[in-house]
């Protein structure tokens, strides 16, 4: 009887659905400008408000040796993000959302510029766990934010 219980438990464990994978968003845009010019337009970690229209203000602090930006949106939302990695030579940075009103957790993203001559590609990609909203809705929201940022970058350049 004990063997049957053990086999049943093992079978149930094998048939149980796997843990859900994190959701992700990855968007690219081509910009008719040299990569170094595009990287300069993206600017420092707190310059995001100069090209992402939803950001009204950005305040930079440092916590535990990490740069932290507090973004306030036009509607009063507050996002706190930490800089995880900055690669000036590779024209990319990775950041993590520490807190936000968005329905997700464990968000980490990278913005990267590449290209040659007067043609650049900007890629903004992230992974996160939706929380309190359907994954499709959260993906749509993040995609919309990225698109607004790309439109803002093009306008700035």
Protein backbone atom coordinates (compact mmCIF):
# COMPACT_ATOMS: atom_id res chain seq x y z
CA UNK A 1 0.00 0.00 0.00
CA UNK A 2 2.86 2.34 0.85
CA UNK A 3 4.45 1.70 -2.57
CA UNK A 4 1.17 2.62 -4.31
CA UNK A 5 1.02 5.91 -2.39
CA UNK A 6 4.64 6.66 -3.30
CA UNK A 7 4.03 5.89 -7.00
CA UNK A 8 0.85 8.00 -6.98
CA UNK A 9 2.70 10.95 -5.41
CA UNK A 10 5.56 10.65 -7.91
CA UNK A 11 3.11 10.45 -10.81
CA UNK A 12 1.24 13.52 -9.60
CA UNK A 13 4.48 15.45 -9.29
CA UNK A 14 5.48 14.50 -12.84
CA UNK A 15 2.11 15.43 -14.26
CA UNK A 16 1.78 18.71 -12.36
CA UNK A 17 2.02 21.74 -14.63
CA UNK A 18 5.39 23.42 -14.72
CA UNK A 19 5.73 26.80 -13.04
CA UNK A 20 4.78 29.62 -15.37
CA UNK A 21 7.66 31.30 -17.15
CA UNK A 22 8.17 35.02 -16.82
CA UNK A 23 6.47 37.18 -19.41
CA UNK A 24 8.68 39.19 -21.71
CA UNK A 25 8.57 42.12 -24.10
CA UNK A 26 11.18 42.93 -26.71
CA UNK A 27 10.82 45.78 -29.16
CA UNK A 28 13.24 47.27 -31.67
CA UNK A 29 13.24 50.45 -33.66
CA UNK A 30 15.45 51.62 -36.51
CA UNK A 31 16.62 55.22 -36.25
CA UNK A 32 18.35 57.15 -39.03
CA UNK A 33 21.18 58.46 -36.85
CA UNK A 34 24.63 57.29 -35.82
CA UNK A 35 24.69 54.91 -32.84
CA UNK A 36 26.80 57.27 -30.71
CA UNK A 37 24.32 60.08 -31.36
CA UNK A 38 21.39 57.83 -30.37
CA UNK A 39 23.23 56.67 -27.22
CA UNK A 40 23.93 60.31 -26.32
CA UNK A 41 20.22 61.11 -26.79
CA UNK A 42 19.27 58.30 -24.41
CA UNK A 43 21.62 60.03 -21.99
CA UNK A 44 22.34 59.19 -18.39
CA UNK A 45 20.21 56.98 -16.19
CA UNK A 46 17.98 59.86 -15.10
CA UNK A 47 17.65 61.43 -18.57
CA UNK A 48 14.78 59.10 -19.47
CA UNK A 49 12.30 61.95 -18.99
CA UNK A 50 13.83 63.74 -21.98
CA UNK A 51 12.56 61.05 -24.35
CA UNK A 52 9.89 59.00 -22.52
CA UNK A 53 6.84 61.28 -22.49
CA UNK A 54 5.08 59.65 -19.51
CA UNK A 55 7.95 60.65 -17.20
CA UNK A 56 7.35 64.07 -15.64
CA UNK A 57 10.34 64.03 -13.25
CA UNK A 58 13.32 61.88 -12.38
CA UNK A 59 15.22 62.07 -9.11
CA UNK A 60 18.56 60.27 -8.78
CA UNK A 61 19.83 58.84 -5.50
CA UNK A 62 22.25 56.13 -4.50
CA UNK A 63 21.45 53.16 -2.27
CA UNK A 64 23.96 50.50 -1.32
CA UNK A 65 26.35 51.71 -4.01
CA UNK A 66 23.68 51.48 -6.74
CA UNK A 67 22.16 54.36 -8.66
CA UNK A 68 18.42 54.56 -8.07
CA UNK A 69 16.02 56.72 -10.04
CA UNK A 70 12.57 57.69 -8.84
CA UNK A 71 10.32 58.45 -11.77
CA UNK A 72 7.08 60.36 -11.35
CA UNK A 73 4.62 60.11 -14.21
CA UNK A 74 2.33 62.87 -15.41
CA UNK A 75 -0.59 61.25 -13.58
CA UNK A 76 1.32 61.00 -10.29
CA UNK A 77 2.47 57.38 -10.49
CA UNK A 78 5.85 56.68 -8.90
CA UNK A 79 8.35 54.07 -10.09
CA UNK A 80 11.60 53.32 -8.30
CA UNK A 81 14.25 51.70 -10.49
CA UNK A 82 17.81 50.59 -9.76
CA UNK A 83 20.64 50.55 -12.26
CA UNK A 84 21.98 47.00 -12.43
CA UNK A 85 24.58 47.39 -15.18
CA UNK A 86 25.91 50.28 -17.29
CA UNK A 87 28.03 49.57 -20.38
CA UNK A 88 28.94 52.86 -22.01
CA UNK A 89 31.26 51.22 -24.58
CA UNK A 90 28.59 48.63 -25.44
CA UNK A 91 25.88 51.34 -25.41
CA UNK A 92 23.51 49.51 -23.08
CA UNK A 93 22.16 49.54 -19.58
CA UNK A 94 20.10 47.17 -17.48
CA UNK A 95 17.72 48.28 -14.75
CA UNK A 96 15.28 46.70 -12.32
CA UNK A 97 11.96 48.09 -11.08
CA UNK A 98 11.98 48.05 -7.28
CA UNK A 99 8.44 49.40 -6.91
CA UNK A 100 5.74 50.73 -9.22
CA UNK A 101 1.97 50.92 -9.67
CA UNK A 102 2.24 48.54 -12.64
CA UNK A 103 0.65 45.09 -12.15
CA UNK A 104 3.88 43.11 -12.19
CA UNK A 105 6.92 42.12 -10.16
CA UNK A 106 10.49 40.96 -10.84
CA UNK A 107 10.80 43.34 -13.80
CA UNK A 108 14.28 43.66 -15.30
CA UNK A 109 15.02 45.37 -18.61
CA UNK A 110 17.86 46.30 -20.93
CA UNK A 111 18.10 49.17 -23.40
CA UNK A 112 20.76 48.70 -26.09
CA UNK A 113 21.89 50.73 -29.08
CA UNK A 114 23.70 49.12 -32.03
CA UNK A 115 24.36 49.91 -35.67
CA UNK A 116 26.83 51.38 -38.13
CA UNK A 117 27.28 54.64 -39.92
CA UNK A 118 24.10 56.69 -39.80
CA UNK A 119 21.78 53.79 -38.98
CA UNK A 120 20.98 52.58 -35.48
CA UNK A 121 18.83 49.96 -33.86
CA UNK A 122 17.52 50.51 -30.36
CA UNK A 123 16.30 47.41 -28.55
CA UNK A 124 14.37 47.56 -25.30
CA UNK A 125 13.66 44.16 -23.76
CA UNK A 126 12.39 42.97 -20.41
CA UNK A 127 11.10 40.06 -18.42
CA UNK A 128 8.66 40.20 -15.52
CA UNK A 129 5.95 38.33 -13.65
CA UNK A 130 2.44 39.73 -14.15
CA UNK A 131 0.62 40.23 -10.86
CA UNK A 132 -3.03 41.15 -10.49
CA UNK A 133 -3.73 41.49 -14.22
CA UNK A 134 -3.78 39.16 -17.23
CA UNK A 135 -0.37 38.69 -18.85
CA UNK A 136 -1.64 39.96 -22.22
CA UNK A 137 -2.75 43.24 -20.62
CA UNK A 138 0.60 43.78 -18.90
CA UNK A 139 2.53 42.95 -22.09
CA UNK A 140 0.36 45.44 -24.00
CA UNK A 141 1.03 48.16 -21.39
CA UNK A 142 4.81 47.60 -21.41
CA UNK A 143 4.87 47.46 -25.23
CA UNK A 144 3.01 50.77 -25.32
CA UNK A 145 5.52 52.37 -22.94
CA UNK A 146 8.42 51.16 -25.10
CA UNK A 147 6.76 52.47 -28.27
CA UNK A 148 6.18 55.87 -26.64
CA UNK A 149 9.87 55.91 -25.70
CA UNK A 150 10.96 55.07 -29.25
CA UNK A 151 8.68 57.81 -30.62
CA UNK A 152 10.16 60.24 -28.09
CA UNK A 153 13.72 59.30 -29.04
CA UNK A 154 13.00 59.85 -32.73
CA UNK A 155 11.48 63.22 -31.90
CA UNK A 156 14.48 64.19 -29.76
CA UNK A 157 16.89 63.30 -32.56
